[in-house]
N, C-alpha and C. Protein backbone atom coordinates (compact mmCIF):
# COMPACT_ATOMS: atom_id res chain seq x y z
N MET A 1 81.88 105.89 79.74
CA MET A 1 81.60 104.83 80.53
C MET A 1 83.06 104.46 81.40
N ALA A 2 84.15 104.35 80.58
CA ALA A 2 85.37 104.31 81.27
C ALA A 2 85.69 105.29 82.41
N GLU A 3 85.17 106.62 82.20
CA GLU A 3 85.40 107.64 83.07
C GLU A 3 84.62 107.23 84.50
N HIS A 4 83.29 106.70 84.20
CA HIS A 4 82.56 106.14 85.33
C HIS A 4 83.11 105.25 86.11
N ARG A 5 83.67 104.10 85.38
CA ARG A 5 84.13 103.09 85.95
C ARG A 5 85.44 103.35 86.90
N GLN A 6 86.19 104.51 86.16
CA GLN A 6 87.34 104.93 86.94
C GLN A 6 86.98 105.63 88.34
N LEU A 7 85.87 106.46 88.16
CA LEU A 7 85.32 107.16 89.52
C LEU A 7 84.91 106.15 90.46
N GLN A 8 84.21 105.10 89.97
CA GLN A 8 83.65 104.19 90.73
C GLN A 8 85.00 103.20 91.65
N HIS A 9 86.12 103.19 90.85
CA HIS A 9 87.18 102.42 91.15
C HIS A 9 87.85 103.39 92.52
N ALA A 10 87.86 104.72 92.12
CA ALA A 10 88.77 105.54 93.22
C ALA A 10 87.56 105.69 94.26
N ALA A 11 86.32 105.43 94.14
CA ALA A 11 85.58 105.70 95.30
C ALA A 11 85.47 104.42 96.27
N LEU A 12 85.89 103.28 95.57
CA LEU A 12 86.06 102.07 96.40
C LEU A 12 87.48 102.17 97.25
N LEU A 13 88.42 102.74 96.52
CA LEU A 13 89.85 102.94 97.10
C LEU A 13 89.53 103.71 98.19
N ASP A 14 88.91 104.71 98.10
CA ASP A 14 88.68 105.86 99.31
C ASP A 14 87.95 105.14 100.29
N ALA A 15 86.91 104.49 100.03
CA ALA A 15 86.09 103.78 101.15
C ALA A 15 87.09 102.90 101.74
N ALA A 16 87.78 102.00 100.99
CA ALA A 16 88.70 101.17 101.74
C ALA A 16 89.62 101.71 102.59
N ARG A 17 90.28 102.79 102.14
CA ARG A 17 91.08 103.67 103.29
C ARG A 17 90.28 104.03 104.63
N THR A 18 89.14 104.65 104.24
CA THR A 18 88.41 104.98 105.36
C THR A 18 88.16 103.88 106.39
N LEU A 19 87.58 102.76 105.72
CA LEU A 19 87.50 101.56 106.65
C LEU A 19 88.52 101.12 107.15
N LEU A 20 89.60 101.14 106.84
CA LEU A 20 90.92 100.66 107.39
C LEU A 20 91.33 101.48 108.65
N ALA A 21 91.37 102.96 108.52
CA ALA A 21 91.51 104.00 109.49
C ALA A 21 90.48 103.76 110.53
N GLU A 22 89.45 103.73 110.24
CA GLU A 22 88.29 103.56 111.19
C GLU A 22 88.15 102.23 112.08
N GLY A 23 88.48 101.13 111.32
CA GLY A 23 88.08 99.78 111.97
C GLY A 23 89.23 98.92 111.78
N GLY A 24 90.33 99.05 111.05
CA GLY A 24 91.37 98.15 110.85
C GLY A 24 90.82 97.09 110.00
N ILE A 25 91.63 96.01 110.06
CA ILE A 25 91.50 94.94 108.94
C ILE A 25 90.01 94.14 108.88
N GLU A 26 89.31 94.21 110.14
CA GLU A 26 88.05 93.59 110.21
C GLU A 26 87.06 94.13 109.62
N ALA A 27 87.44 95.59 109.48
CA ALA A 27 86.47 96.53 108.84
C ALA A 27 86.33 96.51 107.26
N LEU A 28 87.26 96.02 106.88
CA LEU A 28 87.39 96.20 105.29
C LEU A 28 86.65 94.79 104.79
N THR A 29 85.46 95.00 104.57
CA THR A 29 84.52 93.85 104.01
C THR A 29 83.98 94.41 102.71
N PHE A 30 83.54 93.52 101.75
CA PHE A 30 82.89 93.91 100.42
C PHE A 30 81.62 94.36 100.76
N PRO A 31 80.61 93.86 101.87
CA PRO A 31 79.65 94.58 102.31
C PRO A 31 79.82 96.00 102.63
N ALA A 32 80.68 96.21 103.51
CA ALA A 32 81.14 97.60 103.86
C ALA A 32 81.58 98.56 102.62
N LEU A 33 82.40 97.87 102.13
CA LEU A 33 82.72 98.80 100.71
C LEU A 33 81.41 99.13 100.01
N ALA A 34 80.57 98.16 99.73
CA ALA A 34 79.61 98.40 99.06
C ALA A 34 78.50 99.36 99.61
N ALA A 35 78.40 99.40 100.86
CA ALA A 35 77.65 100.32 101.80
C ALA A 35 78.09 101.66 101.53
N ARG A 36 79.54 101.77 101.76
CA ARG A 36 80.36 103.08 101.66
C ARG A 36 80.13 103.73 100.44
N THR A 37 79.95 103.08 99.25
CA THR A 37 80.15 103.52 98.09
C THR A 37 78.65 103.80 97.18
N GLY A 38 77.63 102.97 97.95
CA GLY A 38 76.37 102.91 97.46
C GLY A 38 76.29 101.97 96.13
N LEU A 39 77.27 101.11 96.02
CA LEU A 39 77.29 100.28 95.15
C LEU A 39 76.61 98.65 95.56
N ALA A 40 76.20 97.71 94.68
CA ALA A 40 75.78 96.53 95.23
C ALA A 40 77.03 95.70 95.43
N ARG A 41 76.95 94.80 96.55
CA ARG A 41 77.96 93.93 96.69
C ARG A 41 78.52 93.26 95.53
N SER A 42 77.57 92.68 94.80
CA SER A 42 78.06 92.15 93.41
C SER A 42 79.07 92.98 92.58
N SER A 43 78.69 94.36 92.67
CA SER A 43 79.46 95.25 91.80
C SER A 43 80.66 95.44 92.21
N VAL A 44 81.06 95.33 93.56
CA VAL A 44 82.44 95.56 94.24
C VAL A 44 83.13 94.29 93.55
N TYR A 45 82.81 93.22 93.42
CA TYR A 45 83.53 91.93 92.83
C TYR A 45 83.81 92.41 91.24
N GLU A 46 83.25 93.20 90.77
CA GLU A 46 83.60 93.60 89.41
C GLU A 46 84.78 94.30 89.37
N TYR A 47 85.11 95.14 90.24
CA TYR A 47 86.45 95.90 90.61
C TYR A 47 87.67 95.01 91.13
N PHE A 48 87.12 94.31 92.18
CA PHE A 48 88.18 93.52 93.04
C PHE A 48 87.83 92.18 93.06
N ARG A 49 88.49 91.27 93.16
CA ARG A 49 88.45 90.02 93.29
C ARG A 49 88.25 89.17 94.91
N SER A 50 89.23 89.95 95.45
CA SER A 50 89.32 89.71 96.87
C SER A 50 89.51 90.81 97.71
N ARG A 51 89.55 90.78 98.96
CA ARG A 51 89.97 91.70 99.82
C ARG A 51 91.58 92.02 99.75
N ALA A 52 92.35 90.63 99.32
CA ALA A 52 93.73 90.99 99.27
C ALA A 52 93.87 91.86 97.85
N ALA A 53 92.94 91.75 96.81
CA ALA A 53 93.14 92.45 95.68
C ALA A 53 92.88 94.21 95.96
N VAL A 54 92.24 94.42 97.01
CA VAL A 54 92.10 96.01 97.30
C VAL A 54 93.16 96.34 98.08
N VAL A 55 93.74 95.46 99.02
CA VAL A 55 94.98 96.03 99.47
C VAL A 55 96.19 96.10 98.56
N GLU A 56 96.08 95.25 97.52
CA GLU A 56 97.33 95.34 96.75
C GLU A 56 97.23 96.70 95.79
N GLU A 57 95.91 96.87 95.40
CA GLU A 57 95.72 98.21 94.81
C GLU A 57 96.08 99.44 95.55
N LEU A 58 95.56 99.25 96.85
CA LEU A 58 95.81 100.44 97.86
C LEU A 58 97.60 100.68 97.79
N CYS A 59 98.17 99.52 98.00
CA CYS A 59 99.48 99.60 98.11
C CYS A 59 100.04 100.18 96.66
N ALA A 60 99.69 99.68 95.68
CA ALA A 60 100.17 100.05 94.36
C ALA A 60 99.84 101.78 94.01
N VAL A 61 98.65 101.96 94.74
CA VAL A 61 98.14 103.65 94.29
C VAL A 61 98.99 104.34 95.39
N ASP A 62 99.11 104.05 96.77
CA ASP A 62 99.52 104.78 97.94
C ASP A 62 100.97 104.70 98.13
N PHE A 63 101.52 103.83 97.85
CA PHE A 63 103.03 103.68 98.02
C PHE A 63 103.91 104.62 97.61
N PRO A 64 103.61 104.77 96.03
CA PRO A 64 104.54 105.92 95.39
C PRO A 64 104.03 107.34 96.04
N LEU A 65 102.97 107.64 96.50
CA LEU A 65 102.74 109.00 97.03
C LEU A 65 103.33 108.93 98.50
N TRP A 66 103.45 107.90 99.20
CA TRP A 66 104.25 107.91 100.39
C TRP A 66 105.62 107.96 100.24
N ALA A 67 106.26 107.45 99.28
CA ALA A 67 107.51 107.65 98.99
C ALA A 67 107.84 109.07 98.58
N ALA A 68 106.86 109.49 97.57
CA ALA A 68 107.17 110.94 97.21
C ALA A 68 107.24 111.95 98.42
N GLU A 69 106.21 111.77 99.55
CA GLU A 69 106.32 112.38 100.76
C GLU A 69 107.83 112.42 101.47
N ILE A 70 108.41 111.23 101.61
CA ILE A 70 109.65 111.09 102.20
C ILE A 70 110.57 111.77 101.39
N GLU A 71 110.38 111.52 99.97
CA GLU A 71 111.58 112.20 99.11
C GLU A 71 111.37 113.73 99.27
N ALA A 72 110.30 114.25 99.17
CA ALA A 72 110.17 115.76 99.25
C ALA A 72 110.75 116.29 100.77
N GLY A 73 110.57 115.43 101.72
CA GLY A 73 111.06 115.93 103.17
C GLY A 73 112.56 115.83 102.94
N MET A 74 112.94 114.80 102.36
CA MET A 74 114.52 114.91 102.28
C MET A 74 115.04 115.89 101.39
N ALA A 75 114.50 116.26 100.39
CA ALA A 75 114.87 117.30 99.53
C ALA A 75 114.77 118.52 100.11
N ALA A 76 113.96 118.90 100.94
CA ALA A 76 113.97 120.19 101.73
C ALA A 76 114.94 120.28 102.67
N CYS A 77 115.90 119.19 102.89
CA CYS A 77 117.08 119.53 103.89
C CYS A 77 118.30 119.84 103.42
N ASP A 78 119.20 120.63 103.97
CA ASP A 78 120.41 121.09 103.35
C ASP A 78 121.67 120.27 103.67
N SER A 79 121.53 119.26 104.39
CA SER A 79 122.59 118.35 104.69
C SER A 79 122.35 116.92 104.51
N PRO A 80 123.39 115.84 104.33
CA PRO A 80 123.09 114.59 104.40
C PRO A 80 122.54 113.99 105.80
N GLN A 81 123.05 114.68 106.87
CA GLN A 81 122.44 114.42 108.23
C GLN A 81 121.02 114.47 108.14
N ALA A 82 120.70 115.65 107.97
CA ALA A 82 119.24 116.08 107.91
C ALA A 82 118.37 115.23 106.93
N GLN A 83 118.92 114.90 105.86
CA GLN A 83 118.03 113.97 104.76
C GLN A 83 117.89 112.82 105.61
N VAL A 84 119.08 111.96 106.38
CA VAL A 84 118.76 110.70 106.83
C VAL A 84 117.78 110.92 108.07
N ALA A 85 117.82 111.95 108.90
CA ALA A 85 116.66 112.27 109.82
C ALA A 85 115.55 112.38 108.92
N ALA A 86 115.23 112.96 107.90
CA ALA A 86 113.90 113.18 107.36
C ALA A 86 113.46 111.70 106.78
N TYR A 87 114.37 111.10 106.43
CA TYR A 87 114.07 109.69 105.98
C TYR A 87 113.58 108.72 106.82
N VAL A 88 114.16 109.05 108.11
CA VAL A 88 113.77 108.10 109.27
C VAL A 88 112.29 108.57 109.68
N ARG A 89 112.44 109.82 109.97
CA ARG A 89 111.06 110.45 110.88
C ARG A 89 109.87 110.46 109.73
N GLY A 90 110.18 110.57 108.51
CA GLY A 90 109.26 110.25 107.33
C GLY A 90 108.50 109.04 107.37
N GLN A 91 109.18 108.03 107.38
CA GLN A 91 108.89 106.80 107.38
C GLN A 91 107.96 106.39 108.71
N LEU A 92 108.58 106.85 109.68
CA LEU A 92 107.91 106.43 111.07
C LEU A 92 106.50 107.24 111.06
N ALA A 93 106.62 108.39 110.50
CA ALA A 93 105.17 109.24 110.34
C ALA A 93 104.28 108.35 109.80
N LEU A 94 104.78 108.16 108.61
CA LEU A 94 103.52 107.17 107.69
C LEU A 94 103.20 105.90 108.37
N ALA A 95 104.25 105.27 108.95
CA ALA A 95 104.00 103.87 109.67
C ALA A 95 102.84 104.02 110.80
N GLY A 96 102.86 105.35 111.32
CA GLY A 96 101.65 105.64 112.33
C GLY A 96 100.56 105.76 112.00
N ASP A 97 100.24 106.10 110.48
CA ASP A 97 99.17 106.46 109.79
C ASP A 97 98.15 105.10 110.00
N PRO A 98 97.07 105.13 110.49
CA PRO A 98 96.19 103.99 110.70
C PRO A 98 96.02 103.25 109.55
N ARG A 99 95.86 103.95 108.36
CA ARG A 99 95.70 103.36 106.89
C ARG A 99 96.90 102.37 106.67
N HIS A 100 98.18 103.01 106.84
CA HIS A 100 99.11 102.12 106.50
C HIS A 100 99.45 101.10 107.43
N ARG A 101 99.17 101.06 108.68
CA ARG A 101 99.25 99.94 109.65
C ARG A 101 98.27 98.78 109.13
N ALA A 102 97.12 99.25 108.83
CA ALA A 102 96.07 98.42 108.42
C ALA A 102 96.53 97.54 107.17
N VAL A 103 96.93 98.48 106.13
CA VAL A 103 97.40 97.78 105.08
C VAL A 103 98.53 96.90 105.13
N ALA A 104 99.42 97.24 105.94
CA ALA A 104 100.73 96.36 106.27
C ALA A 104 100.29 94.90 106.94
N ALA A 105 99.18 95.19 107.74
CA ALA A 105 98.83 93.93 108.55
C ALA A 105 98.02 93.06 107.64
N VAL A 106 97.23 93.43 106.77
CA VAL A 106 96.27 92.75 105.80
C VAL A 106 97.21 92.17 104.77
N SER A 107 98.28 92.93 104.40
CA SER A 107 99.01 92.54 103.38
C SER A 107 99.93 91.38 103.76
N ALA A 108 100.44 91.26 105.14
CA ALA A 108 100.93 90.33 105.50
C ALA A 108 100.61 88.97 105.62
N LEU A 109 98.95 89.13 105.79
CA LEU A 109 98.11 87.96 105.87
C LEU A 109 97.61 87.29 104.49
N GLU A 110 97.49 88.40 103.60
CA GLU A 110 96.48 87.87 102.58
C GLU A 110 97.21 87.96 101.17
N LEU A 111 98.21 88.59 100.92
CA LEU A 111 98.65 88.82 99.58
C LEU A 111 99.49 87.64 99.00
N ASP A 112 99.39 87.30 97.67
CA ASP A 112 100.11 86.14 97.09
C ASP A 112 101.60 86.59 97.08
N GLU A 113 102.37 85.70 96.62
CA GLU A 113 103.88 86.01 96.60
C GLU A 113 104.11 87.15 95.67
N ALA A 114 103.48 87.09 94.39
CA ALA A 114 103.96 88.16 93.36
C ALA A 114 103.23 89.38 93.84
N ALA A 115 102.34 89.69 94.62
CA ALA A 115 102.03 91.00 95.21
C ALA A 115 102.96 91.32 96.29
N ARG A 116 103.39 90.30 97.06
CA ARG A 116 104.44 90.75 98.05
C ARG A 116 105.70 90.94 97.53
N ALA A 117 106.19 90.51 96.36
CA ALA A 117 107.41 90.80 95.88
C ALA A 117 107.16 92.48 95.21
N ARG A 118 106.07 92.76 94.58
CA ARG A 118 105.95 94.06 94.05
C ARG A 118 106.03 95.12 95.21
N ILE A 119 105.49 94.67 96.39
CA ILE A 119 105.58 95.54 97.68
C ILE A 119 106.99 95.75 98.17
N ARG A 120 107.78 94.62 98.06
CA ARG A 120 109.23 94.65 98.44
C ARG A 120 110.01 95.40 97.62
N ALA A 121 109.72 95.23 96.06
CA ALA A 121 110.54 96.02 95.11
C ALA A 121 110.21 97.65 95.47
N ALA A 122 108.89 97.92 95.91
CA ALA A 122 108.68 99.50 96.19
C ALA A 122 109.50 99.83 97.46
N HIS A 123 109.50 99.01 98.39
CA HIS A 123 110.57 99.19 99.69
C HIS A 123 111.95 99.51 99.28
N VAL A 124 112.54 98.58 98.28
CA VAL A 124 113.99 98.65 97.66
C VAL A 124 113.85 100.15 97.23
N ALA A 125 112.92 100.62 96.56
CA ALA A 125 113.18 102.07 95.95
C ALA A 125 113.24 103.01 96.99
N LEU A 126 112.38 102.66 98.06
CA LEU A 126 112.48 103.74 99.04
C LEU A 126 113.73 103.57 99.63
N VAL A 127 114.40 102.56 99.98
CA VAL A 127 115.62 102.60 100.58
C VAL A 127 116.70 103.32 99.71
N ASP A 128 116.58 103.09 98.43
CA ASP A 128 117.46 103.82 97.64
C ASP A 128 117.54 105.45 97.62
N LEU A 129 116.22 105.98 98.19
CA LEU A 129 116.54 107.37 98.38
C LEU A 129 117.54 107.75 99.41
N VAL A 130 117.88 106.88 100.28
CA VAL A 130 118.61 107.28 101.39
C VAL A 130 120.29 107.08 100.96
N VAL A 131 120.41 106.42 99.91
CA VAL A 131 121.81 105.79 99.55
C VAL A 131 122.61 106.99 99.18
N ARG A 132 122.39 107.93 98.70
CA ARG A 132 123.21 109.03 98.20
C ARG A 132 123.42 109.72 99.53
N ALA A 133 122.70 110.00 100.48
CA ALA A 133 122.91 110.90 101.53
C ALA A 133 124.04 109.85 102.56
N LEU A 134 123.86 108.71 102.46
CA LEU A 134 124.82 107.89 103.38
C LEU A 134 126.26 107.94 102.54
N SER A 135 126.13 108.12 101.18
CA SER A 135 127.34 108.11 100.63
C SER A 135 128.06 109.46 100.90
N GLU A 136 127.13 110.55 100.90
CA GLU A 136 128.01 111.80 101.20
C GLU A 136 128.38 111.79 102.52
N LEU A 137 127.77 110.99 103.36
CA LEU A 137 128.37 111.15 104.79
C LEU A 137 129.74 110.28 104.97
N GLY A 138 130.11 109.61 103.78
CA GLY A 138 131.41 109.06 103.84
C GLY A 138 131.37 107.59 104.16
N HIS A 139 130.15 106.79 104.13
CA HIS A 139 130.07 105.62 104.27
C HIS A 139 130.63 104.74 103.02
N GLN A 140 131.52 103.71 103.36
CA GLN A 140 132.09 102.89 102.33
C GLN A 140 131.10 102.04 101.46
N GLN A 141 130.08 101.61 102.23
CA GLN A 141 129.08 100.82 101.59
C GLN A 141 127.73 101.59 101.80
N PRO A 142 127.44 102.48 101.13
CA PRO A 142 125.97 103.19 101.42
C PRO A 142 124.89 102.19 101.18
N ARG A 143 124.88 101.37 100.16
CA ARG A 143 123.64 100.52 99.84
C ARG A 143 123.40 99.62 101.13
N LEU A 144 124.59 98.91 101.52
CA LEU A 144 124.64 98.22 102.74
C LEU A 144 123.87 99.17 104.04
N ALA A 145 124.56 100.11 104.23
CA ALA A 145 124.14 101.06 105.06
C ALA A 145 122.78 101.26 105.22
N ALA A 146 122.18 101.67 104.04
CA ALA A 146 120.78 101.81 103.69
C ALA A 146 119.95 100.70 104.10
N ALA A 147 120.39 99.59 103.67
CA ALA A 147 119.58 98.32 104.12
C ALA A 147 119.36 98.22 105.90
N LEU A 148 120.65 98.57 106.37
CA LEU A 148 120.49 98.23 107.88
C LEU A 148 119.88 99.53 108.53
N LEU A 149 120.00 100.56 107.79
CA LEU A 149 118.93 101.75 108.30
C LEU A 149 117.55 101.35 108.15
N GLN A 150 116.99 100.84 106.93
CA GLN A 150 115.84 100.34 107.00
C GLN A 150 115.57 99.38 108.12
N GLY A 151 116.34 98.65 108.53
CA GLY A 151 115.96 97.62 109.72
C GLY A 151 115.87 98.29 111.03
N VAL A 152 116.79 99.58 111.16
CA VAL A 152 116.39 100.34 112.22
C VAL A 152 114.77 100.89 112.28
N VAL A 153 114.63 101.35 110.97
CA VAL A 153 113.40 102.07 110.95
C VAL A 153 112.28 100.99 111.12
N GLU A 154 112.39 99.65 110.57
CA GLU A 154 111.26 98.72 110.92
C GLU A 154 111.35 98.45 112.34
N ALA A 155 112.56 98.28 113.05
CA ALA A 155 112.48 98.20 114.55
C ALA A 155 111.69 99.17 115.17
N ALA A 156 112.06 100.44 114.82
CA ALA A 156 111.32 101.63 115.44
C ALA A 156 109.79 101.56 115.25
N VAL A 157 109.25 101.20 114.21
CA VAL A 157 108.03 101.01 113.80
C VAL A 157 107.48 100.11 114.48
N ARG A 158 107.85 98.91 114.71
CA ARG A 158 107.49 97.93 115.63
C ARG A 158 107.41 98.48 117.01
N GLN A 159 108.39 99.17 117.48
CA GLN A 159 108.35 99.57 119.01
C GLN A 159 107.16 100.65 119.16
N ALA A 160 107.11 101.43 118.07
CA ALA A 160 106.13 102.70 118.17
C ALA A 160 104.47 102.03 118.35
N GLU A 161 104.51 100.58 117.70
CA GLU A 161 103.21 100.17 117.73
C GLU A 161 102.84 99.70 119.10
N HIS A 162 103.53 99.69 120.06
CA HIS A 162 103.29 99.19 121.58
C HIS A 162 103.52 100.40 122.35
N VAL A 163 103.60 101.69 122.13
CA VAL A 163 103.65 102.86 123.20
C VAL A 163 102.64 103.70 122.59
N PRO A 164 102.11 104.42 123.75
CA PRO A 164 101.20 105.71 123.25
C PRO A 164 101.98 106.61 122.28
N ASP A 165 101.15 107.40 121.83
CA ASP A 165 101.57 108.31 120.87
C ASP A 165 102.62 109.26 121.52
N ALA A 166 102.57 109.64 122.67
CA ALA A 166 103.64 110.64 123.33
C ALA A 166 105.15 109.82 123.33
N GLY A 167 105.16 108.60 123.24
CA GLY A 167 106.27 107.93 123.09
C GLY A 167 106.98 107.63 121.96
N SER A 168 106.07 108.06 120.86
CA SER A 168 106.63 107.92 119.34
C SER A 168 107.66 108.74 119.12
N ALA A 169 107.45 110.00 119.67
CA ALA A 169 108.53 110.95 119.40
C ALA A 169 109.91 110.65 119.93
N ALA A 170 109.90 109.98 121.05
CA ALA A 170 111.32 109.61 121.67
C ALA A 170 111.79 108.32 120.83
N ILE A 171 110.76 107.44 120.30
CA ILE A 171 111.19 106.47 119.47
C ILE A 171 112.22 106.98 118.29
N ALA A 172 111.39 107.89 117.64
CA ALA A 172 111.84 108.58 116.34
C ALA A 172 113.07 109.28 116.65
N ASP A 173 113.32 109.92 117.84
CA ASP A 173 114.61 110.46 118.20
C ASP A 173 115.64 109.56 118.36
N ALA A 174 115.37 108.37 118.77
CA ALA A 174 116.30 107.16 119.07
C ALA A 174 116.73 106.48 117.66
N ALA A 175 115.71 106.39 116.92
CA ALA A 175 116.19 105.73 115.57
C ALA A 175 116.99 106.60 114.68
N VAL A 176 116.56 108.10 114.74
CA VAL A 176 117.66 109.15 114.22
C VAL A 176 118.95 109.14 114.64
N ALA A 177 119.08 109.00 115.92
CA ALA A 177 120.48 109.17 116.82
C ALA A 177 121.02 107.79 116.28
N MET A 178 120.54 106.60 116.30
CA MET A 178 120.96 105.36 115.59
C MET A 178 121.49 105.34 114.53
N ALA A 179 120.56 106.07 113.53
CA ALA A 179 121.03 106.13 112.11
C ALA A 179 122.34 107.06 111.97
N LEU A 180 122.29 108.04 112.61
CA LEU A 180 123.34 109.28 112.39
C LEU A 180 124.54 108.78 113.22
N HIS A 181 124.56 108.14 114.19
CA HIS A 181 125.69 108.17 115.03
C HIS A 181 125.96 106.43 115.07
N GLY A 182 125.11 105.69 114.69
CA GLY A 182 125.45 104.15 114.88
C GLY A 182 125.69 103.56 113.54
N LEU A 183 125.67 104.24 112.26
CA LEU A 183 125.85 103.61 111.07
C LEU A 183 126.72 104.36 110.47
N GLY A 184 127.81 105.02 111.05
CA GLY A 184 128.83 105.37 110.41
C GLY A 184 129.85 104.36 109.59
N ALA A 185 130.85 104.68 108.77
CA ALA A 185 131.82 103.80 108.12
C ALA A 185 132.44 102.86 109.23
N PRO A 186 132.30 101.58 109.06
CA PRO A 186 132.67 100.64 109.83
C PRO A 186 134.22 100.81 110.13
N GLY A 187 134.84 100.59 111.20
CA GLY A 187 136.32 100.69 111.66
C GLY A 187 136.76 99.29 111.38
N PRO A 188 138.14 98.94 111.83
CA PRO A 188 138.63 97.56 111.62
C PRO A 188 138.00 96.72 112.96
N ALA A 189 137.74 95.48 112.54
CA ALA A 189 136.94 94.69 113.30
C ALA A 189 137.87 94.28 114.40
C-alpha cells in the first residue's frame, strides 16, 4: 500500500510539472491533476491540501536536483573563473525552464512564510556553492561576493524573462562578464 501511495504521489508531481510547463500557473489545478493521473479530484486532496502544497513539494524535490546540476557543471571546470561562469550559466539555464518559472511565480504568490523560508535556505545553500571559487579568485569577502553575485544572477533572470530566446545568450554572457570582472576584490573607496 505504501508503495502504491508513493507511486501516486510521484505521478501527481510529474503531472504538476507537465501542467506548469504547458500552461503555467493557471494550468495547475486539482481537476487537471486528477485528469492527468486518472485519480478522482477528492483523491488529489489526500496527497495535497492546496495548490501551494503541490508547489512546495515540487520545490523540495526539484531544488536539490537543480542544485546538483549546477554543482556538477561547476565540478567539471578546471579554474575558479570557469566555475563562476558555470554557476551563473547553470542558474540562468534552469531559470529559463518553464517549470522553474512557473514554480517561482506560484511560490511568490501562494506559499506561507515557513515554506518561503525553506526555499530561501535552499537558495543560500546554492550560493554556498560559489563561495570557494570566489575565495580562490582572491576575494577578501567571498560570502559577500557570492551574495552580490546571486543578485546579478537574479537580475539576469528578470531580464531574460523579457527577451526572446536569442537574447538570453547575450544576457548570460553579460552576467558572466559582470561576475568575473565586476566582482573582484574591492579596492580603496
